[in-house]
N, C-alpha and C. Protein backbone atom coordinates (compact mmCIF):
# COMPACT_ATOMS: atom_id res chain seq x y z
N MET A 1 62.31 30.70 0.39
CA MET A 1 60.97 31.15 0.09
C MET A 1 60.62 32.32 1.01
N LYS A 2 59.95 33.29 0.45
CA LYS A 2 59.52 34.44 1.24
C LYS A 2 58.31 34.04 2.08
N ASN A 3 58.19 34.66 3.26
CA ASN A 3 57.06 34.37 4.13
C ASN A 3 55.86 35.17 3.70
N GLY A 4 54.86 34.51 3.18
CA GLY A 4 53.68 35.19 2.69
C GLY A 4 52.55 35.15 3.69
N LYS A 5 51.60 36.05 3.50
CA LYS A 5 50.40 36.12 4.33
C LYS A 5 49.18 35.85 3.44
N LYS A 6 48.11 35.37 4.06
CA LYS A 6 46.90 35.12 3.32
C LYS A 6 46.33 36.43 2.79
N PRO A 7 45.87 36.46 1.54
CA PRO A 7 45.31 37.70 0.98
C PRO A 7 43.92 37.99 1.55
N THR A 8 43.61 39.28 1.64
CA THR A 8 42.28 39.70 2.07
C THR A 8 41.30 39.50 0.91
N ARG A 9 40.04 39.74 1.18
CA ARG A 9 39.02 39.57 0.14
C ARG A 9 39.27 40.51 -1.03
N HIS A 10 39.65 41.75 -0.75
CA HIS A 10 39.94 42.73 -1.80
C HIS A 10 41.16 42.28 -2.62
N GLN A 11 42.19 41.81 -1.95
CA GLN A 11 43.40 41.35 -2.64
C GLN A 11 43.11 40.11 -3.48
N LYS A 12 42.24 39.23 -2.98
CA LYS A 12 41.87 38.05 -3.76
C LYS A 12 41.21 38.44 -5.07
N GLY A 13 40.38 39.50 -5.03
CA GLY A 13 39.74 39.99 -6.25
C GLY A 13 40.76 40.50 -7.25
N ILE A 14 41.78 41.20 -6.78
CA ILE A 14 42.83 41.70 -7.66
C ILE A 14 43.61 40.55 -8.28
N ILE A 15 43.92 39.55 -7.47
CA ILE A 15 44.66 38.38 -7.98
C ILE A 15 43.83 37.65 -9.03
N LYS A 16 42.54 37.52 -8.78
CA LYS A 16 41.66 36.83 -9.73
C LYS A 16 41.55 37.58 -11.05
N LEU A 17 41.49 38.93 -10.98
CA LEU A 17 41.41 39.73 -12.19
C LEU A 17 42.67 39.61 -13.04
N SER A 18 43.80 39.30 -12.41
CA SER A 18 45.03 39.14 -13.18
C SER A 18 45.18 37.74 -13.76
N GLY A 19 44.18 36.89 -13.57
CA GLY A 19 44.18 35.57 -14.20
C GLY A 19 44.83 34.48 -13.37
N LEU A 20 45.01 34.72 -12.07
CA LEU A 20 45.64 33.73 -11.21
C LEU A 20 44.61 33.18 -10.23
N ASN A 21 44.90 32.01 -9.68
CA ASN A 21 44.03 31.40 -8.68
C ASN A 21 44.44 31.92 -7.30
N PRO A 22 43.58 32.67 -6.61
CA PRO A 22 43.96 33.27 -5.33
C PRO A 22 44.24 32.25 -4.24
N GLU A 23 43.77 31.03 -4.39
CA GLU A 23 44.02 30.00 -3.37
C GLU A 23 45.47 29.54 -3.38
N ASN A 24 46.18 29.78 -4.48
CA ASN A 24 47.56 29.30 -4.61
C ASN A 24 48.61 30.38 -4.36
N TRP A 25 48.18 31.63 -4.08
CA TRP A 25 49.14 32.73 -3.96
C TRP A 25 49.03 33.39 -2.60
N LEU A 26 50.18 33.79 -2.05
CA LEU A 26 50.27 34.51 -0.79
C LEU A 26 50.89 35.88 -1.04
N ILE A 27 50.58 36.85 -0.19
CA ILE A 27 51.09 38.21 -0.32
C ILE A 27 52.33 38.34 0.55
N TYR A 28 53.46 38.77 -0.04
CA TYR A 28 54.62 39.04 0.81
C TYR A 28 54.97 40.52 0.85
N LYS A 29 54.39 41.33 -0.04
CA LYS A 29 54.57 42.78 0.03
C LYS A 29 53.39 43.43 -0.68
N ALA A 30 52.80 44.42 -0.03
CA ALA A 30 51.67 45.14 -0.62
C ALA A 30 51.98 46.63 -0.60
N ASN A 31 52.40 47.14 -1.74
CA ASN A 31 52.65 48.58 -1.89
C ASN A 31 51.35 49.25 -2.32
N GLY A 32 51.41 50.54 -2.56
CA GLY A 32 50.22 51.29 -2.93
C GLY A 32 49.57 50.81 -4.21
N ASP A 33 50.36 50.52 -5.22
CA ASP A 33 49.79 50.14 -6.51
C ASP A 33 50.25 48.76 -6.97
N ARG A 34 50.89 48.00 -6.10
CA ARG A 34 51.46 46.72 -6.53
C ARG A 34 51.33 45.69 -5.41
N LEU A 35 51.01 44.45 -5.80
CA LEU A 35 51.04 43.33 -4.88
C LEU A 35 52.17 42.40 -5.31
N SER A 36 53.00 42.02 -4.37
CA SER A 36 54.05 41.05 -4.64
C SER A 36 53.59 39.72 -4.08
N LEU A 37 53.53 38.72 -4.95
CA LEU A 37 52.97 37.43 -4.60
C LEU A 37 54.04 36.35 -4.60
N VAL A 38 53.83 35.34 -3.79
CA VAL A 38 54.68 34.15 -3.80
C VAL A 38 53.73 32.95 -3.88
N HIS A 39 54.08 31.99 -4.74
CA HIS A 39 53.24 30.82 -4.92
C HIS A 39 53.33 29.94 -3.68
N ARG A 40 52.20 29.43 -3.26
CA ARG A 40 52.10 28.67 -2.02
C ARG A 40 52.93 27.39 -2.05
N TYR A 41 53.07 26.75 -3.18
CA TYR A 41 53.73 25.44 -3.25
C TYR A 41 55.10 25.48 -3.91
N THR A 42 55.26 26.27 -4.97
CA THR A 42 56.52 26.25 -5.71
C THR A 42 57.51 27.32 -5.28
N GLY A 43 57.02 28.40 -4.66
CA GLY A 43 57.90 29.47 -4.21
C GLY A 43 58.23 30.50 -5.27
N THR A 44 57.62 30.41 -6.45
CA THR A 44 57.87 31.41 -7.48
C THR A 44 57.19 32.72 -7.10
N THR A 45 57.75 33.84 -7.56
CA THR A 45 57.22 35.14 -7.21
C THR A 45 56.67 35.85 -8.45
N ARG A 46 55.69 36.73 -8.22
CA ARG A 46 55.10 37.56 -9.27
C ARG A 46 54.75 38.90 -8.69
N LYS A 47 54.66 39.89 -9.56
CA LYS A 47 54.19 41.21 -9.17
C LYS A 47 52.93 41.50 -9.97
N VAL A 48 51.88 41.90 -9.26
CA VAL A 48 50.59 42.20 -9.88
C VAL A 48 50.28 43.67 -9.60
N PHE A 49 49.89 44.40 -10.64
CA PHE A 49 49.58 45.81 -10.50
C PHE A 49 48.08 46.00 -10.33
N LYS A 50 47.71 46.83 -9.37
CA LYS A 50 46.29 47.16 -9.17
C LYS A 50 45.87 48.10 -10.26
N GLU A 51 44.65 47.95 -10.72
CA GLU A 51 44.15 48.82 -11.79
C GLU A 51 42.97 49.62 -11.33
């Protein structure tokens, strides 16, 4: 599992807009236009694009 960090308030808003629950996702990479997420319990990964 990748080591994730707690999302900031702004990042939580982006995660919520993509239809995910921000309480269950951690940030392991934050590029300029993309957030790479890892699920807190299962370890699955996703990429979310900022709009």
